[in-house]
């Protein structure tokens, strides 16, 4: 199972300006971080892709998102 989260924006420009920086922060989060003595929950996203007006959060690796993009383009 590979989880992919889709975040829709009004335009590609908006996805790049607002979505990509947020996705970058999520991907960089440390899974072992502790805040106030409580373990934080791992986001589970190891990569992201921007396709048109969509930011795709990919669970394990970028190829998960690329496969979905390719499947959608072929339909």
Protein backbone atom coordinates (compact mmCIF):
# COMPACT_ATOMS: atom_id res chain seq x y z
CA UNK A 1 0.00 0.00 0.00
CA UNK A 2 1.27 3.43 -0.95
CA UNK A 3 -0.48 6.51 0.40
CA UNK A 4 -0.62 9.60 -1.77
CA UNK A 5 -2.21 12.83 -0.56
CA UNK A 6 -3.45 15.32 -3.15
CA UNK A 7 -3.65 19.02 -2.35
CA UNK A 8 -5.51 21.09 -4.95
CA UNK A 9 -4.78 24.76 -5.64
CA UNK A 10 -6.37 27.35 -7.94
CA UNK A 11 -3.44 27.33 -10.36
CA UNK A 12 0.01 25.90 -10.95
CA UNK A 13 1.51 29.19 -9.77
CA UNK A 14 -0.43 28.95 -6.50
CA UNK A 15 0.63 25.33 -6.03
CA UNK A 16 4.26 26.33 -6.50
CA UNK A 17 4.05 29.44 -4.30
CA UNK A 18 1.98 28.06 -1.42
CA UNK A 19 1.88 24.27 -1.70
CA UNK A 20 5.47 23.40 -2.55
CA UNK A 21 7.01 25.17 0.49
CA UNK A 22 4.56 23.39 2.83
CA UNK A 23 5.27 20.05 1.17
CA UNK A 24 9.00 20.66 1.55
CA UNK A 25 8.58 21.24 5.30
CA UNK A 26 6.53 18.05 5.69
CA UNK A 27 9.08 15.94 3.81
CA UNK A 28 11.95 17.33 5.93
CA UNK A 29 10.29 16.62 9.30
CA UNK A 30 12.34 14.39 11.59
CA UNK A 31 10.39 11.23 12.41
CA UNK A 32 12.16 10.94 15.78
CA UNK A 33 11.42 14.45 17.00
CA UNK A 34 10.18 14.96 20.54
CA UNK A 35 8.19 17.98 21.61
CA UNK A 36 7.52 18.56 25.30
CA UNK A 37 8.35 14.94 26.14
CA UNK A 38 5.83 13.59 23.62
CA UNK A 39 6.85 11.74 20.47
CA UNK A 40 5.60 13.43 17.34
CA UNK A 41 3.78 11.41 14.70
CA UNK A 42 5.72 10.70 11.52
CA UNK A 43 4.03 12.26 8.50
CA UNK A 44 4.74 9.24 6.36
CA UNK A 45 5.64 11.30 3.28
CA UNK A 46 9.11 10.95 1.86
CA UNK A 47 8.69 13.02 -1.30
CA UNK A 48 6.35 15.32 -3.18
CA UNK A 49 5.58 16.35 -6.74
CA UNK A 50 3.79 19.31 -8.29
CA UNK A 51 1.68 18.47 -11.35
CA UNK A 52 -0.37 21.34 -12.72
CA UNK A 53 -2.40 22.75 -9.84
CA UNK A 54 -1.88 19.68 -7.61
CA UNK A 55 0.73 19.04 -4.94
CA UNK A 56 1.09 15.28 -4.43
CA UNK A 57 2.53 14.04 -1.15
CA UNK A 58 4.18 10.63 -1.75
CA UNK A 59 4.43 8.12 1.08
CA UNK A 60 7.67 6.38 0.27
CA UNK A 61 9.34 7.82 -2.79
CA UNK A 62 8.73 10.06 -5.76
CA UNK A 63 8.12 7.11 -8.10
CA UNK A 64 4.78 6.50 -6.32
CA UNK A 65 3.55 9.92 -7.44
CA UNK A 66 5.14 9.63 -10.88
CA UNK A 67 3.28 6.36 -11.51
CA UNK A 68 -0.03 8.04 -10.65
CA UNK A 69 0.74 11.04 -12.87
CA UNK A 70 1.61 8.74 -15.78
CA UNK A 71 -1.56 6.68 -15.28
CA UNK A 72 -3.74 9.82 -15.27
CA UNK A 73 -2.04 11.24 -18.36
CA UNK A 74 -2.61 8.03 -20.33
CA UNK A 75 -6.39 8.16 -19.75
